C-alpha atoms as a PDB file:
ATOM      1  CA  MET A   1       8.663 -18.822 -54.074  1.00  0.00           C
ATOM      2  CA  PRO A   2      10.785 -15.973 -55.515  1.00  0.00           C
ATOM      3  CA  ASP A   3      11.648 -16.021 -59.203  1.00  0.00           C
ATOM      4  CA  ALA A   4      14.844 -18.118 -59.252  1.00  0.00           C
ATOM      5  CA  THR A   5      15.728 -16.809 -62.719  1.00  0.00           C
ATOM      6  CA  ALA A   6      15.812 -13.163 -61.621  1.00  0.00           C
ATOM      7  CA  VAL A   7      19.174 -11.429 -61.620  1.00  0.00           C
ATOM      8  CA  PRO A   8      19.944 -10.272 -58.062  1.00  0.00           C
ATOM      9  CA  ALA A   9      21.532  -7.079 -56.843  1.00  0.00           C
ATOM     10  CA  PHE A  10      25.308  -7.342 -56.559  1.00  0.00           C
ATOM     11  CA  ALA A  11      27.350  -6.075 -53.644  1.00  0.00           C
ATOM     12  CA  GLU A  12      30.648  -4.444 -54.629  1.00  0.00           C
ATOM     13  CA  LEU A  13      34.082  -4.903 -53.044  1.00  0.00           C
ATOM     14  CA  THR A  14      37.298  -3.313 -54.296  1.00  0.00           C
ATOM     15  CA  ALA A  15      40.597  -4.878 -53.301  1.00  0.00           C
ATOM     16  CA  PRO A  16      43.126  -2.438 -51.832  1.00  0.00           C
ATOM     17  CA  PRO A  17      45.992  -1.641 -54.234  1.00  0.00           C
ATOM     18  CA  ALA A  18      48.499  -3.276 -51.879  1.00  0.00           C
ATOM     19  CA  TRP A  19      46.936  -6.725 -52.227  1.00  0.00           C
ATOM     20  CA  ARG A  20      48.976  -9.125 -54.374  1.00  0.00           C
ATOM     21  CA  ARG A  21      47.284 -12.480 -53.642  1.00  0.00           C
ATOM     22  CA  ILE A  22      43.721 -13.456 -52.682  1.00  0.00           C
ATOM     23  CA  ASP A  23      42.752 -16.983 -51.631  1.00  0.00           C
ATOM     24  CA  PHE A  24      39.275 -18.449 -52.232  1.00  0.00           C
ATOM     25  CA  LEU A  25      38.016 -21.492 -50.296  1.00  0.00           C
ATOM     26  CA  SER A  26      34.638 -23.137 -49.863  1.00  0.00           C
ATOM     27  CA  ASP A  27      32.868 -26.336 -48.846  1.00  0.00           C
ATOM     28  CA  LEU A  28      35.113 -27.480 -46.013  1.00  0.00           C
ATOM     29  CA  HIS A  29      32.029 -28.782 -44.152  1.00  0.00           C
ATOM     30  CA  LEU A  30      33.841 -28.530 -40.837  1.00  0.00           C
ATOM     31  CA  SER A  31      32.466 -30.380 -37.833  1.00  0.00           C
ATOM     32  CA  ALA A  32      33.742 -32.038 -34.691  1.00  0.00           C
ATOM     33  CA  GLU A  33      34.102 -35.207 -36.795  1.00  0.00           C
ATOM     34  CA  THR A  34      36.598 -33.596 -39.241  1.00  0.00           C
ATOM     35  CA  PRO A  35      39.655 -32.731 -37.102  1.00  0.00           C
ATOM     36  CA  ALA A  36      42.134 -33.227 -39.957  1.00  0.00           C
ATOM     37  CA  THR A  37      40.243 -30.831 -42.222  1.00  0.00           C
ATOM     38  CA  LEU A  38      39.992 -28.278 -39.419  1.00  0.00           C
ATOM     39  CA  ALA A  39      43.742 -28.595 -38.760  1.00  0.00           C
ATOM     40  CA  ALA A  40      44.451 -28.049 -42.478  1.00  0.00           C
ATOM     41  CA  LEU A  41      42.412 -24.848 -42.464  1.00  0.00           C
ATOM     42  CA  GLU A  42      44.151 -23.609 -39.341  1.00  0.00           C
ATOM     43  CA  GLN A  43      47.571 -24.313 -40.860  1.00  0.00           C
ATOM     44  CA  HIS A  44      46.657 -22.585 -44.122  1.00  0.00           C
ATOM     45  CA  LEU A  45      45.373 -19.483 -42.357  1.00  0.00           C
ATOM     46  CA  GLN A  46      48.589 -19.340 -40.350  1.00  0.00           C
ATOM     47  CA  GLU A  47      50.936 -19.844 -43.296  1.00  0.00           C
ATOM     48  CA  THR A  48      49.263 -18.482 -46.439  1.00  0.00           C
ATOM     49  CA  ALA A  49      51.096 -15.799 -48.384  1.00  0.00           C
ATOM     50  CA  ALA A  50      47.761 -14.294 -49.403  1.00  0.00           C
ATOM     51  CA  ASP A  51      46.816 -10.752 -48.449  1.00  0.00           C
ATOM     52  CA  ALA A  52      43.197 -11.834 -47.865  1.00  0.00           C
ATOM     53  CA  VAL A  53      41.189 -15.052 -47.616  1.00  0.00           C
ATOM     54  CA  MET A  54      37.615 -15.299 -48.861  1.00  0.00           C
ATOM     55  CA  LEU A  55      35.473 -18.154 -47.554  1.00  0.00           C
ATOM     56  CA  LEU A  56      32.630 -18.707 -50.029  1.00  0.00           C
ATOM     57  CA  GLY A  57      30.165 -20.765 -48.041  1.00  0.00           C
ATOM     58  CA  ASP A  58      29.667 -24.163 -46.405  1.00  0.00           C
ATOM     59  CA  ILE A  59      32.759 -23.707 -44.296  1.00  0.00           C
ATOM     60  CA  PHE A  60      30.758 -25.507 -41.605  1.00  0.00           C
ATOM     61  CA  GLU A  61      28.762 -28.694 -42.058  1.00  0.00           C
ATOM     62  CA  VAL A  62      26.040 -27.041 -40.032  1.00  0.00           C
ATOM     63  CA  TRP A  63      25.722 -23.869 -37.956  1.00  0.00           C
ATOM     64  CA  VAL A  64      22.884 -23.937 -35.426  1.00  0.00           C
ATOM     65  CA  GLY A  65      23.289 -20.381 -34.132  1.00  0.00           C
ATOM     66  CA  ASP A  66      25.959 -17.986 -32.945  1.00  0.00           C
ATOM     67  CA  ASP A  67      25.326 -18.858 -29.297  1.00  0.00           C
ATOM     68  CA  ALA A  68      26.983 -22.234 -29.959  1.00  0.00           C
ATOM     69  CA  ARG A  69      30.335 -20.422 -29.882  1.00  0.00           C
ATOM     70  CA  LEU A  70      29.822 -19.675 -26.181  1.00  0.00           C
ATOM     71  CA  GLU A  71      30.000 -23.348 -25.162  1.00  0.00           C
ATOM     72  CA  ASP A  72      33.291 -25.211 -24.880  1.00  0.00           C
ATOM     73  CA  GLY A  73      33.767 -27.419 -27.908  1.00  0.00           C
ATOM     74  CA  PHE A  74      34.003 -27.342 -31.667  1.00  0.00           C
ATOM     75  CA  GLU A  75      32.422 -23.934 -32.368  1.00  0.00           C
ATOM     76  CA  ALA A  76      34.488 -22.248 -29.641  1.00  0.00           C
ATOM     77  CA  HIS A  77      37.669 -23.704 -31.133  1.00  0.00           C
ATOM     78  CA  CYS A  78      36.690 -22.452 -34.588  1.00  0.00           C
ATOM     79  CA  LEU A  79      36.054 -19.010 -33.112  1.00  0.00           C
ATOM     80  CA  GLN A  80      39.530 -18.942 -31.606  1.00  0.00           C
ATOM     81  CA  LEU A  81      41.352 -19.952 -34.789  1.00  0.00           C
ATOM     82  CA  LEU A  82      39.347 -17.553 -36.967  1.00  0.00           C
ATOM     83  CA  ARG A  83      39.925 -14.716 -34.518  1.00  0.00           C
ATOM     84  CA  ALA A  84      43.670 -15.411 -34.568  1.00  0.00           C
ATOM     85  CA  ALA A  85      43.709 -15.499 -38.379  1.00  0.00           C
ATOM     86  CA  SER A  86      41.689 -12.272 -38.641  1.00  0.00           C
ATOM     87  CA  GLN A  87      44.327 -10.501 -36.592  1.00  0.00           C
ATOM     88  CA  ARG A  88      46.910 -11.440 -39.238  1.00  0.00           C
ATOM     89  CA  LEU A  89      44.980 -10.768 -42.460  1.00  0.00           C
ATOM     90  CA  PRO A  90      41.428  -9.976 -43.627  1.00  0.00           C
ATOM     91  CA  ILE A  91      39.071 -12.972 -43.601  1.00  0.00           C
ATOM     92  CA  TYR A  92      35.804 -12.608 -45.521  1.00  0.00           C
ATOM     93  CA  PHE A  93      32.861 -14.929 -44.931  1.00  0.00           C
ATOM     94  CA  MET A  94      29.949 -15.708 -47.268  1.00  0.00           C
ATOM     95  CA  VAL A  95      27.241 -18.028 -45.985  1.00  0.00           C
ATOM     96  CA  GLY A  96      26.386 -21.216 -47.841  1.00  0.00           C
ATOM     97  CA  ASN A  97      23.467 -23.605 -47.775  1.00  0.00           C
ATOM     98  CA  ARG A  98      24.840 -25.322 -44.640  1.00  0.00           C
ATOM     99  CA  ASP A  99      25.990 -22.376 -42.530  1.00  0.00           C
ATOM    100  CA  PHE A 100      23.475 -19.674 -43.485  1.00  0.00           C
ATOM    101  CA  LEU A 101      22.621 -19.101 -39.804  1.00  0.00           C
ATOM    102  CA  LEU A 102      26.079 -17.770 -39.022  1.00  0.00           C
ATOM    103  CA  GLY A 103      25.355 -14.195 -38.048  1.00  0.00           C
ATOM    104  CA  GLU A 104      26.596 -10.850 -36.846  1.00  0.00           C
ATOM    105  CA  ALA A 105      27.653 -12.006 -33.372  1.00  0.00           C
ATOM    106  CA  MET A 106      29.994 -14.692 -34.702  1.00  0.00           C
ATOM    107  CA  LEU A 107      31.352 -12.368 -37.380  1.00  0.00           C
ATOM    108  CA  ALA A 108      32.075  -9.621 -34.855  1.00  0.00           C
ATOM    109  CA  ASP A 109      33.596 -11.992 -32.302  1.00  0.00           C
ATOM    110  CA  SER A 110      35.806 -13.744 -34.851  1.00  0.00           C
ATOM    111  CA  GLY A 111      36.865 -10.599 -36.696  1.00  0.00           C
ATOM    112  CA  MET A 112      35.634 -11.974 -40.044  1.00  0.00           C
ATOM    113  CA  GLN A 113      34.090  -9.546 -42.511  1.00  0.00           C
ATOM    114  CA  PRO A 114      30.710 -10.359 -44.091  1.00  0.00           C
ATOM    115  CA  LEU A 115      30.619 -11.014 -47.815  1.00  0.00           C
ATOM    116  CA  ALA A 116      27.206 -10.785 -49.444  1.00  0.00           C
ATOM    117  CA  ASP A 117      26.075 -13.411 -51.934  1.00  0.00           C
ATOM    118  CA  PRO A 118      26.618 -12.409 -54.696  1.00  0.00           C
ATOM    119  CA  THR A 119      29.491  -9.902 -54.571  1.00  0.00           C
ATOM    120  CA  VAL A 120      31.509  -8.390 -57.404  1.00  0.00           C
ATOM    121  CA  LEU A 121      35.160  -8.196 -56.399  1.00  0.00           C
ATOM    122  CA  THR A 122      37.279  -5.733 -58.347  1.00  0.00           C
ATOM    123  CA  ALA A 123      40.919  -6.776 -58.122  1.00  0.00           C
ATOM    124  CA  PHE A 124      43.909  -6.168 -60.409  1.00  0.00           C
ATOM    125  CA  GLY A 125      41.697  -4.169 -62.759  1.00  0.00           C
ATOM    126  CA  THR A 126      39.227  -7.036 -63.308  1.00  0.00           C
ATOM    127  CA  ARG A 127      35.712  -7.719 -62.000  1.00  0.00           C
ATOM    128  CA  TYR A 128      35.098 -11.186 -60.508  1.00  0.00           C
ATOM    129  CA  LEU A 129      31.626 -12.377 -59.528  1.00  0.00           C
ATOM    130  CA  LEU A 130      31.687 -14.328 -56.244  1.00  0.00           C
ATOM    131  CA  THR A 131      28.811 -16.568 -55.101  1.00  0.00           C
ATOM    132  CA  HIS A 132      28.361 -19.752 -53.134  1.00  0.00           C
ATOM    133  CA  GLY A 133      26.476 -21.175 -56.108  1.00  0.00           C
ATOM    134  CA  ASP A 134      23.394 -22.868 -54.651  1.00  0.00           C
ATOM    135  CA  ALA A 135      21.046 -20.084 -55.789  1.00  0.00           C
ATOM    136  CA  LEU A 136      21.956 -20.958 -59.393  1.00  0.00           C
ATOM    137  CA  CYS A 137      21.046 -24.664 -59.161  1.00  0.00           C
ATOM    138  CA  LEU A 138      17.717 -23.904 -60.815  1.00  0.00           C
ATOM    139  CA  SER A 139      16.799 -27.444 -61.887  1.00  0.00           C
ATOM    140  CA  ASP A 140      16.507 -28.505 -58.235  1.00  0.00           C
ATOM    141  CA  GLN A 141      13.150 -26.863 -57.635  1.00  0.00           C
ATOM    142  CA  ALA A 142      12.607 -28.651 -54.321  1.00  0.00           C
ATOM    143  CA  TYR A 143      15.840 -27.196 -52.964  1.00  0.00           C
ATOM    144  CA  GLN A 144      15.044 -23.713 -54.269  1.00  0.00           C
ATOM    145  CA  GLY A 145      11.736 -23.839 -52.397  1.00  0.00           C
ATOM    146  CA  PHE A 146      13.505 -24.973 -49.220  1.00  0.00           C
ATOM    147  CA  ARG A 147      16.141 -22.262 -49.648  1.00  0.00           C
ATOM    148  CA  ALA A 148      13.511 -19.560 -50.019  1.00  0.00           C
ATOM    149  CA  GLN A 149      11.818 -20.763 -46.843  1.00  0.00           C
ATOM    150  CA  VAL A 150      14.860 -20.997 -44.564  1.00  0.00           C
ATOM    151  CA  ARG A 151      16.254 -17.646 -45.669  1.00  0.00           C
ATOM    152  CA  GLN A 152      13.143 -15.901 -44.349  1.00  0.00           C
ATOM    153  CA  PRO A 153      13.749 -13.937 -41.110  1.00  0.00           C
ATOM    154  CA  ALA A 154      10.574 -15.409 -39.579  1.00  0.00           C
ATOM    155  CA  TRP A 155      11.727 -19.001 -40.120  1.00  0.00           C
ATOM    156  CA  GLN A 156      15.197 -18.251 -38.796  1.00  0.00           C
ATOM    157  CA  GLY A 157      13.795 -16.468 -35.762  1.00  0.00           C
ATOM    158  CA  GLN A 158      11.596 -19.434 -34.898  1.00  0.00           C
ATOM    159  CA  PHE A 159      14.461 -21.885 -35.284  1.00  0.00           C
ATOM    160  CA  LEU A 160      16.926 -19.826 -33.261  1.00  0.00           C
ATOM    161  CA  ALA A 161      14.361 -19.335 -30.503  1.00  0.00           C
ATOM    162  CA  GLN A 162      14.573 -23.031 -29.660  1.00  0.00           C
ATOM    163  CA  PRO A 163      17.069 -24.204 -27.008  1.00  0.00           C
ATOM    164  CA  LEU A 164      20.572 -24.881 -28.322  1.00  0.00           C
ATOM    165  CA  ALA A 165      20.347 -28.580 -27.410  1.00  0.00           C
ATOM    166  CA  VAL A 166      17.160 -28.917 -29.471  1.00  0.00           C
ATOM    167  CA  ARG A 167      18.772 -27.181 -32.438  1.00  0.00           C
ATOM    168  CA  ARG A 168      21.792 -29.486 -32.231  1.00  0.00           C
ATOM    169  CA  ALA A 169      19.511 -32.536 -32.188  1.00  0.00           C
ATOM    170  CA  LEU A 170      17.536 -31.269 -35.193  1.00  0.00           C
ATOM    171  CA  ALA A 171      20.780 -30.609 -37.068  1.00  0.00           C
ATOM    172  CA  ARG A 172      21.970 -34.168 -36.379  1.00  0.00           C
ATOM    173  CA  GLN A 173      18.697 -35.570 -37.678  1.00  0.00           C
ATOM    174  CA  MET A 174      18.880 -33.505 -40.847  1.00  0.00           C
ATOM    175  CA  ARG A 175      22.528 -34.445 -41.388  1.00  0.00           C
ATOM    176  CA  ASP A 176      21.858 -38.159 -40.873  1.00  0.00           C
ATOM    177  CA  GLY A 177      18.875 -38.011 -43.210  1.00  0.00           C
ATOM    178  CA  SER A 178      20.902 -36.271 -45.894  1.00  0.00           C
ATOM    179  CA  LYS A 179      23.692 -38.855 -45.686  1.00  0.00           C
ATOM    180  CA  ALA A 180      21.225 -41.740 -45.860  1.00  0.00           C
ATOM    181  CA  GLN A 181      19.533 -40.260 -48.927  1.00  0.00           C
ATOM    182  CA  GLN A 182      22.855 -39.779 -50.706  1.00  0.00           C
ATOM    183  CA  LYS A 183      23.824 -43.400 -50.079  1.00  0.00           C
ATOM    184  CA  SER A 184      20.464 -44.827 -51.159  1.00  0.00           C
ATOM    185  CA  GLU A 185      19.992 -42.691 -54.255  1.00  0.00           C
ATOM    186  CA  HIS A 186      23.633 -41.974 -55.145  1.00  0.00           C
ATOM    187  CA  ALA A 187      22.618 -38.344 -54.970  1.00  0.00           C
ATOM    188  CA  SER A 188      24.918 -35.522 -55.934  1.00  0.00           C
ATOM    189  CA  TYR A 189      24.640 -31.765 -56.007  1.00  0.00           C
ATOM    190  CA  THR A 190      22.744 -30.384 -58.969  1.00  0.00           C
ATOM    191  CA  ASP A 191      25.026 -28.336 -61.201  1.00  0.00           C
ATOM    192  CA  LEU A 192      24.605 -24.636 -61.794  1.00  0.00           C
ATOM    193  CA  ASP A 193      22.449 -23.419 -64.661  1.00  0.00           C
ATOM    194  CA  ASP A 194      24.872 -22.082 -67.262  1.00  0.00           C
ATOM    195  CA  PRO A 195      22.462 -19.631 -68.967  1.00  0.00           C
ATOM    196  CA  ALA A 196      21.620 -18.147 -65.548  1.00  0.00           C
ATOM    197  CA  CYS A 197      25.335 -17.898 -64.743  1.00  0.00           C
ATOM    198  CA  ALA A 198      25.907 -16.055 -68.016  1.00  0.00           C
ATOM    199  CA  ALA A 199      23.021 -13.698 -67.249  1.00  0.00           C
ATOM    200  CA  TRP A 200      24.451 -12.920 -63.810  1.00  0.00           C
ATOM    201  CA  LEU A 201      27.894 -12.260 -65.285  1.00  0.00           C
ATOM    202  CA  GLN A 202      26.551  -9.975 -67.986  1.00  0.00           C
ATOM    203  CA  ALA A 203      24.498  -8.020 -65.450  1.00  0.00           C
ATOM    204  CA  ALA A 204      27.554  -7.707 -63.199  1.00  0.00           C
ATOM    205  CA  ASP A 205      29.784  -6.553 -66.071  1.00  0.00           C
ATOM    206  CA  SER A 206      32.108  -9.456 -65.313  1.00  0.00           C
ATOM    207  CA  LYS A 207      33.690 -12.224 -67.358  1.00  0.00           C
ATOM    208  CA  THR A 208      34.547 -14.596 -64.500  1.00  0.00           C
ATOM    209  CA  MET A 209      32.487 -16.250 -61.774  1.00  0.00           C
ATOM    210  CA  ILE A 210      34.048 -18.006 -58.769  1.00  0.00           C
ATOM    211  CA  HIS A 211      31.795 -20.338 -56.787  1.00  0.00           C
ATOM    212  CA  GLY A 212      31.621 -23.509 -54.731  1.00  0.00           C
ATOM    213  CA  HIS A 213      28.717 -25.735 -53.666  1.00  0.00           C
ATOM    214  CA  THR A 214      28.894 -28.491 -56.284  1.00  0.00           C
ATOM    215  CA  HIS A 215      32.117 -30.207 -55.097  1.00  0.00           C
ATOM    216  CA  ARG A 216      33.191 -30.438 -58.745  1.00  0.00           C
ATOM    217  CA  PRO A 217      36.344 -28.333 -59.029  1.00  0.00           C
ATOM    218  CA  GLY A 218      37.117 -27.164 -62.515  1.00  0.00           C
ATOM    219  CA  GLU A 219      36.672 -24.429 -65.101  1.00  0.00           C
ATOM    220  CA  HIS A 220      33.720 -24.061 -67.471  1.00  0.00           C
ATOM    221  CA  ALA A 221      33.392 -21.897 -70.567  1.00  0.00           C
ATOM    222  CA  LEU A 222      29.959 -20.284 -70.897  1.00  0.00           C
ATOM    223  CA  GLY A 223      30.452 -18.688 -74.300  1.00  0.00           C
ATOM    224  CA  GLY A 224      31.173 -15.105 -75.211  1.00  0.00           C
ATOM    225  CA  GLY A 225      34.365 -15.103 -73.155  1.00  0.00           C
ATOM    226  CA  LEU A 226      32.455 -15.851 -69.923  1.00  0.00           C
ATOM    227  CA  ARG A 227      33.786 -18.495 -67.538  1.00  0.00           C
ATOM    228  CA  ARG A 228      33.067 -19.974 -64.135  1.00  0.00           C
ATOM    229  CA  HIS A 229      35.684 -21.437 -61.821  1.00  0.00           C
ATOM    230  CA  VAL A 230      34.440 -24.045 -59.328  1.00  0.00           C
ATOM    231  CA  LEU A 231      36.120 -24.350 -55.944  1.00  0.00           C
ATOM    232  CA  SER A 232      37.059 -27.692 -54.434  1.00  0.00           C
ATOM    233  CA  ASP A 233      35.460 -29.173 -51.369  1.00  0.00           C
ATOM    234  CA  TRP A 234      37.856 -30.180 -48.568  1.00  0.00           C
ATOM    235  CA  ASP A 235      38.048 -33.599 -46.916  1.00  0.00           C
ATOM    236  CA  LEU A 236      41.292 -34.535 -45.194  1.00  0.00           C
ATOM    237  CA  GLU A 237      39.556 -37.434 -43.453  1.00  0.00           C
ATOM    238  CA  ASP A 238      38.985 -39.260 -46.765  1.00  0.00           C
ATOM    239  CA  THR A 239      41.308 -41.979 -48.089  1.00  0.00           C
ATOM    240  CA  ALA A 240      41.746 -39.695 -51.122  1.00  0.00           C
ATOM    241  CA  PRO A 241      42.190 -36.367 -49.296  1.00  0.00           C
ATOM    242  CA  ARG A 242      41.105 -33.144 -50.996  1.00  0.00           C
ATOM    243  CA  ALA A 243      41.973 -29.541 -50.131  1.00  0.00           C
ATOM    244  CA  ASP A 244      42.376 -27.003 -52.916  1.00  0.00           C
ATOM    245  CA  VAL A 245      42.707 -23.243 -52.771  1.00  0.00           C
ATOM    246  CA  LEU A 246      42.027 -21.009 -55.755  1.00  0.00           C
ATOM    247  CA  ARG A 247      44.510 -18.122 -55.653  1.00  0.00           C
ATOM    248  CA  LEU A 248      44.029 -14.884 -57.561  1.00  0.00           C
ATOM    249  CA  ARG A 249      47.011 -12.767 -58.575  1.00  0.00           C
ATOM    250  CA  GLN A 250      47.703 -10.125 -61.209  1.00  0.00           C
ATOM    251  CA  ALA A 251      48.491 -12.951 -63.630  1.00  0.00           C
ATOM    252  CA  GLY A 252      45.137 -14.638 -63.023  1.00  0.00           C
ATOM    253  CA  LEU A 253      43.740 -17.632 -61.136  1.00  0.00           C
ATOM    254  CA  ARG A 254      45.779 -20.643 -60.061  1.00  0.00           C
ATOM    255  CA  ARG A 255      44.618 -23.764 -58.223  1.00  0.00           C
ATOM    256  CA  ILE A 256      46.810 -24.889 -55.324  1.00  0.00           C
ATOM    257  CA  SER A 257      46.464 -28.336 -53.716  1.00  0.00           C
ATOM    258  CA  LEU A 258      47.097 -28.532 -49.977  1.00  0.00           C
ATOM    259  CA  ALA A 259      46.262 -32.235 -49.616  1.00  0.00           C
END
């Protein structure tokens, strides 16, 4: 397994001078069973005053391969709404631990632009470190081993070589197993390792990290003027609906509730 404590290489993205607002979203976990959450995303992409939207992973509950978009159904509908949004403003997509198989074909067809994990975004004269966050959950060694395995091209090639129906069935099994484990063990996402976050920020020459994954929206001081801002998950199907956007402007970051 790769050294989880190693500082990775950072991609760089500079916001055009004309941008005045940038929206960050993550962890919508969209599926055919979350129509209200999908409708909220579609409405936000149609109405946002942002100049760009950055999707920082786990936008989909599961993504079994780009060929799924070619069948009538949920993935095809998502393709249509993302394509429409991309014609109005730039949409950037970073894979998460649930939708890491979303690839070049879906990106090209939808008009979304790939966003590497991690990426340093320079906007309004400030450097922001963007990541989904799962790579920094270092105390969950079992997950880090799984992550290293499924990010290998050989593993992905073998999985994607299976018929789409088989991949859908495997995804359902994994999803059902995950839900059952959470109920039986009251499991929750492991939090990010703060010293590792600080090391990433220092290496990236940044003071601020923006990430998702943990479903624990908030702001955390890491010492030395370093901070991490955690994005909200979305769930408009829940009795206590959640849907927050973190918006970046010249004045800084502001959390906006859409629920």
